[in-house]
Amino acid sequence: MSDFVRVCSVSDVPPDSAIAVEVDDRELAIVHSDGNFYAIEDECSHAAIPLSEGDVEGAEIECYLHGSRFDLRTGRPLSLPATEPVPVYRCRVEGDDVLVDVSEPLDPEQSDIEELQES
């Protein structure tokens, strides 16, 4: 069963950027890119650096400290030095509200990426 909660307004996250939010004691980065919204744990798997402070391009976010890039749809690392995925969560937009389901992270090995984006 999914349990979506409101985390912010669409207008809180400008295009090609991310903001930090806390949901049920989880630190998340809410990312707006190419008209889509994503929810990813706000900590690089290589070092304890907030991903919400990194650069966003397409469906990727880059850690500002060492340059590791992550796929926002799966959490998989796309470049070194990170080798472990970062948890991602289902995210959707209803009106001006961005909602996230933090009940369970998505499986980074999921092959059908289209199902991961629910906006």
C-alpha atoms as a PDB file:
ATOM      1  CA  MET A   1       0.000   0.000   0.000  1.00  0.00           C
ATOM      2  CA  SER A   2       1.351   3.413  -0.913  1.00  0.00           C
ATOM      3  CA  ASP A   3       1.303   6.347   1.449  1.00  0.00           C
ATOM      4  CA  PHE A   4       1.925   9.578  -0.447  1.00  0.00           C
ATOM      5  CA  VAL A   5       2.540  12.708   1.621  1.00  0.00           C
ATOM      6  CA  ARG A   6       2.856  16.323   0.535  1.00  0.00           C
ATOM      7  CA  VAL A   7       6.478  17.514   0.690  1.00  0.00           C
ATOM      8  CA  CYS A   8       6.369  20.890  -1.081  1.00  0.00           C
ATOM      9  CA  SER A   9       4.713  22.966  -3.779  1.00  0.00           C
ATOM     10  CA  VAL A  10       5.663  22.696  -7.432  1.00  0.00           C
ATOM     11  CA  SER A  11       6.647  26.371  -7.263  1.00  0.00           C
ATOM     12  CA  ASP A  12       9.144  25.627  -4.447  1.00  0.00           C
ATOM     13  CA  VAL A  13      11.420  23.763  -6.878  1.00  0.00           C
ATOM     14  CA  PRO A  14      12.513  25.779  -9.919  1.00  0.00           C
ATOM     15  CA  PRO A  15      13.259  23.817 -13.109  1.00  0.00           C
ATOM     16  CA  ASP A  16      16.644  22.048 -13.159  1.00  0.00           C
ATOM     17  CA  SER A  17      17.133  22.348  -9.419  1.00  0.00           C
ATOM     18  CA  ALA A  18      16.657  20.479  -6.157  1.00  0.00           C
ATOM     19  CA  ILE A  19      15.570  21.321  -2.635  1.00  0.00           C
ATOM     20  CA  ALA A  20      16.087  19.480   0.646  1.00  0.00           C
ATOM     21  CA  VAL A  21      13.042  18.241   2.578  1.00  0.00           C
ATOM     22  CA  GLU A  22      12.505  15.981   5.565  1.00  0.00           C
ATOM     23  CA  VAL A  23       9.807  13.305   5.467  1.00  0.00           C
ATOM     24  CA  ASP A  24       9.315  10.812   8.298  1.00  0.00           C
ATOM     25  CA  ASP A  25      12.896  11.374   9.527  1.00  0.00           C
ATOM     26  CA  ARG A  26      14.292  10.870   6.009  1.00  0.00           C
ATOM     27  CA  GLU A  27      16.316  13.592   4.338  1.00  0.00           C
ATOM     28  CA  LEU A  28      15.256  13.764   0.677  1.00  0.00           C
ATOM     29  CA  ALA A  29      16.151  15.871  -2.314  1.00  0.00           C
ATOM     30  CA  ILE A  30      13.122  16.832  -4.384  1.00  0.00           C
ATOM     31  CA  VAL A  31      14.338  17.427  -7.917  1.00  0.00           C
ATOM     32  CA  HIS A  32      12.592  19.188 -10.814  1.00  0.00           C
ATOM     33  CA  SER A  33      14.027  18.420 -14.224  1.00  0.00           C
ATOM     34  CA  ASP A  34      12.574  18.394 -17.729  1.00  0.00           C
ATOM     35  CA  GLY A  35       9.080  18.847 -16.295  1.00  0.00           C
ATOM     36  CA  ASN A  36       9.368  15.811 -13.995  1.00  0.00           C
ATOM     37  CA  PHE A  37       9.745  15.614 -10.234  1.00  0.00           C
ATOM     38  CA  TYR A  38      11.911  13.052  -8.461  1.00  0.00           C
ATOM     39  CA  ALA A  39      12.583  12.125  -4.839  1.00  0.00           C
ATOM     40  CA  ILE A  40      16.035  10.801  -3.968  1.00  0.00           C
ATOM     41  CA  GLU A  41      17.789  10.386  -0.634  1.00  0.00           C
ATOM     42  CA  ASP A  42      19.679  13.600   0.049  1.00  0.00           C
ATOM     43  CA  GLU A  43      23.055  11.993   0.647  1.00  0.00           C
ATOM     44  CA  CYS A  44      25.675  10.861  -1.837  1.00  0.00           C
ATOM     45  CA  SER A  45      26.503   7.172  -1.394  1.00  0.00           C
ATOM     46  CA  HIS A  46      30.217   7.960  -1.734  1.00  0.00           C
ATOM     47  CA  ALA A  47      30.416  10.673   0.933  1.00  0.00           C
ATOM     48  CA  ALA A  48      27.944  12.266   3.318  1.00  0.00           C
ATOM     49  CA  ILE A  49      27.255  15.215   1.010  1.00  0.00           C
ATOM     50  CA  PRO A  50      23.736  16.579   0.322  1.00  0.00           C
ATOM     51  CA  LEU A  51      22.729  15.831  -3.257  1.00  0.00           C
ATOM     52  CA  SER A  52      20.228  18.703  -3.085  1.00  0.00           C
ATOM     53  CA  GLU A  53      23.208  21.060  -3.405  1.00  0.00           C
ATOM     54  CA  GLY A  54      24.363  19.453  -6.658  1.00  0.00           C
ATOM     55  CA  ASP A  55      23.737  20.222 -10.319  1.00  0.00           C
ATOM     56  CA  VAL A  56      20.700  18.817 -12.108  1.00  0.00           C
ATOM     57  CA  GLU A  57      20.669  17.948 -15.797  1.00  0.00           C
ATOM     58  CA  GLY A  58      18.135  15.706 -17.462  1.00  0.00           C
ATOM     59  CA  ALA A  59      17.335  12.751 -15.217  1.00  0.00           C
ATOM     60  CA  GLU A  60      20.657  13.096 -13.359  1.00  0.00           C
ATOM     61  CA  ILE A  61      21.977  14.848 -10.279  1.00  0.00           C
ATOM     62  CA  GLU A  62      25.676  15.415  -9.585  1.00  0.00           C
ATOM     63  CA  CYS A  63      27.297  15.529  -6.164  1.00  0.00           C
ATOM     64  CA  TYR A  64      29.077  18.863  -5.956  1.00  0.00           C
ATOM     65  CA  LEU A  65      32.080  17.591  -3.973  1.00  0.00           C
ATOM     66  CA  HIS A  66      33.504  14.665  -5.974  1.00  0.00           C
ATOM     67  CA  GLY A  67      31.348  14.702  -9.121  1.00  0.00           C
ATOM     68  CA  SER A  68      29.479  11.416  -8.735  1.00  0.00           C
ATOM     69  CA  ARG A  69      26.355  11.462 -10.880  1.00  0.00           C
ATOM     70  CA  PHE A  70      23.157   9.520 -10.099  1.00  0.00           C
ATOM     71  CA  ASP A  71      20.158   8.520 -12.208  1.00  0.00           C
ATOM     72  CA  LEU A  72      17.152  10.215 -10.588  1.00  0.00           C
ATOM     73  CA  ARG A  73      14.835   7.447 -11.799  1.00  0.00           C
ATOM     74  CA  THR A  74      16.718   4.541 -10.240  1.00  0.00           C
ATOM     75  CA  GLY A  75      19.334   6.012  -7.883  1.00  0.00           C
ATOM     76  CA  ARG A  76      22.069   4.129  -9.711  1.00  0.00           C
ATOM     77  CA  PRO A  77      25.482   5.793  -9.845  1.00  0.00           C
ATOM     78  CA  LEU A  78      26.466   6.893 -13.340  1.00  0.00           C
ATOM     79  CA  SER A  79      30.039   7.924 -12.576  1.00  0.00           C
ATOM     80  CA  LEU A  80      32.780   7.325 -10.056  1.00  0.00           C
ATOM     81  CA  PRO A  81      33.704   7.661  -7.284  1.00  0.00           C
ATOM     82  CA  ALA A  82      30.230   6.461  -6.172  1.00  0.00           C
ATOM     83  CA  THR A  83      29.599   2.755  -6.714  1.00  0.00           C
ATOM     84  CA  GLU A  84      26.442   2.221  -4.628  1.00  0.00           C
ATOM     85  CA  PRO A  85      22.937   3.406  -5.527  1.00  0.00           C
ATOM     86  CA  VAL A  86      21.054   6.032  -3.545  1.00  0.00           C
ATOM     87  CA  PRO A  87      17.458   5.211  -2.525  1.00  0.00           C
ATOM     88  CA  VAL A  88      14.758   6.826  -4.663  1.00  0.00           C
ATOM     89  CA  TYR A  89      11.060   7.075  -3.874  1.00  0.00           C
ATOM     90  CA  ARG A  90       7.845   7.347  -5.875  1.00  0.00           C
ATOM     91  CA  CYS A  91       6.958  10.959  -6.553  1.00  0.00           C
ATOM     92  CA  ARG A  92       3.936  12.548  -8.191  1.00  0.00           C
ATOM     93  CA  VAL A  93       2.310  15.933  -8.668  1.00  0.00           C
ATOM     94  CA  GLU A  94      -1.318  16.707  -7.828  1.00  0.00           C
ATOM     95  CA  GLY A  95      -2.253  20.276  -8.632  1.00  0.00           C
ATOM     96  CA  ASP A  96       0.499  22.414  -7.084  1.00  0.00           C
ATOM     97  CA  ASP A  97       1.505  19.727  -4.566  1.00  0.00           C
ATOM     98  CA  VAL A  98       4.518  17.437  -4.857  1.00  0.00           C
ATOM     99  CA  LEU A  99       3.782  14.130  -3.127  1.00  0.00           C
ATOM    100  CA  VAL A 100       6.229  11.381  -2.152  1.00  0.00           C
ATOM    101  CA  ASP A 101       5.670   7.815  -0.968  1.00  0.00           C
ATOM    102  CA  VAL A 102       8.436   7.057   1.558  1.00  0.00           C
ATOM    103  CA  SER A 103       6.972   3.715   2.649  1.00  0.00           C
ATOM    104  CA  GLU A 104       9.540   1.819   0.576  1.00  0.00           C
ATOM    105  CA  PRO A 105      12.388   2.858  -1.746  1.00  0.00           C
ATOM    106  CA  LEU A 106      12.161   1.795  -5.364  1.00  0.00           C
ATOM    107  CA  ASP A 107      14.264  -1.149  -6.501  1.00  0.00           C
ATOM    108  CA  PRO A 108      17.345   0.213  -8.358  1.00  0.00           C
ATOM    109  CA  GLU A 109      17.384  -2.938 -10.469  1.00  0.00           C
ATOM    110  CA  GLN A 110      13.871  -2.306 -11.814  1.00  0.00           C
ATOM    111  CA  SER A 111      14.143  -2.593 -15.562  1.00  0.00           C
ATOM    112  CA  ASP A 112      11.051  -0.626 -16.606  1.00  0.00           C
ATOM    113  CA  ILE A 113      12.041   2.950 -15.768  1.00  0.00           C
ATOM    114  CA  GLU A 114       8.826   4.356 -17.249  1.00  0.00           C
ATOM    115  CA  GLU A 115       6.847   2.899 -14.327  1.00  0.00           C
ATOM    116  CA  LEU A 116       9.009   4.752 -11.809  1.00  0.00           C
ATOM    117  CA  GLN A 117       7.826   8.221 -12.754  1.00  0.00           C
ATOM    118  CA  GLU A 118       4.228   8.830 -11.707  1.00  0.00           C
ATOM    119  CA  SER A 119       3.600  12.432 -12.703  1.00  0.00           C
END
